[in-house]
């Protein structure tokens, strides 16, 4: 895992993680498994951020791409 993103106001019970396998996962703290997996990148994801006001999730990777999820 290379990063975690949490926003209490919008996602009270969920958070997002990114990793070296190029995946972004959404987790719910009430259950042990990930809720969604986004296979967006070819290489390590190095950054993860929300863009307001719509809470679009943006990821950046070593594959030299930026993706809006």
Protein backbone atom coordinates (compact mmCIF):
# COMPACT_ATOMS: atom_id res chain seq x y z
CA UNK A 1 0.00 0.00 0.00
CA UNK A 2 1.36 3.39 -0.99
CA UNK A 3 -1.39 5.67 0.33
CA UNK A 4 -4.70 6.08 2.12
CA UNK A 5 -7.35 8.76 1.61
CA UNK A 6 -10.22 9.51 4.00
CA UNK A 7 -12.85 12.25 4.11
CA UNK A 8 -15.06 12.11 7.17
CA UNK A 9 -17.70 14.50 5.82
CA UNK A 10 -18.39 12.64 2.59
CA UNK A 11 -17.42 9.04 3.38
CA UNK A 12 -18.03 8.49 7.10
CA UNK A 13 -17.50 4.72 7.02
CA UNK A 14 -15.25 4.38 3.97
CA UNK A 15 -11.71 5.15 2.90
CA UNK A 16 -9.60 4.61 -0.20
CA UNK A 17 -6.21 2.97 -0.59
CA UNK A 18 -3.73 2.86 -3.46
CA UNK A 19 -0.87 0.45 -4.01
CA UNK A 20 2.05 -0.77 -6.09
CA UNK A 21 -0.22 -3.10 -8.08
CA UNK A 22 -1.87 -0.11 -9.81
CA UNK A 23 -5.18 -0.53 -7.99
CA UNK A 24 -7.33 1.88 -6.00
CA UNK A 25 -9.61 0.20 -3.48
CA UNK A 26 -12.58 1.51 -1.55
CA UNK A 27 -12.97 0.02 1.92
CA UNK A 28 -15.83 0.04 4.41
CA UNK A 29 -14.62 -0.06 8.02
CA UNK A 30 -17.65 -2.15 8.98
CA UNK A 31 -16.66 -5.12 6.79
CA UNK A 32 -13.28 -6.86 6.33
CA UNK A 33 -13.14 -6.84 2.50
CA UNK A 34 -12.80 -4.04 -0.02
CA UNK A 35 -16.04 -2.75 -1.51
CA UNK A 36 -14.73 -1.69 -4.94
CA UNK A 37 -11.47 -2.13 -6.81
CA UNK A 38 -10.45 0.20 -9.61
CA UNK A 39 -7.78 -1.20 -11.94
CA UNK A 40 -6.66 2.12 -13.32
CA UNK A 41 -2.87 2.04 -13.67
CA UNK A 42 -0.10 -0.12 -15.08
CA UNK A 43 2.45 0.72 -12.34
CA UNK A 44 2.62 1.94 -8.72
CA UNK A 45 0.10 4.58 -7.70
CA UNK A 46 1.93 7.38 -5.91
CA UNK A 47 -0.85 9.87 -5.15
CA UNK A 48 -4.54 9.95 -4.42
CA UNK A 49 -6.69 13.07 -3.85
CA UNK A 50 -10.31 14.24 -3.90
CA UNK A 51 -11.28 17.18 -6.10
CA UNK A 52 -14.14 19.20 -4.62
CA UNK A 53 -17.06 19.85 -4.79
CA UNK A 54 -18.01 16.57 -6.50
CA UNK A 55 -15.46 14.38 -4.74
CA UNK A 56 -13.96 13.04 -7.92
CA UNK A 57 -11.07 10.79 -7.01
CA UNK A 58 -7.82 11.49 -8.87
CA UNK A 59 -4.84 9.14 -8.88
CA UNK A 60 -1.30 9.58 -10.15
CA UNK A 61 1.08 6.78 -11.08
CA UNK A 62 4.64 5.91 -12.03
CA UNK A 63 3.20 4.96 -15.43
CA UNK A 64 3.13 8.76 -16.05
CA UNK A 65 -0.66 9.01 -16.10
CA UNK A 66 -3.31 10.75 -14.03
CA UNK A 67 -6.75 9.14 -13.82
CA UNK A 68 -10.08 10.55 -12.64
CA UNK A 69 -12.21 7.85 -11.07
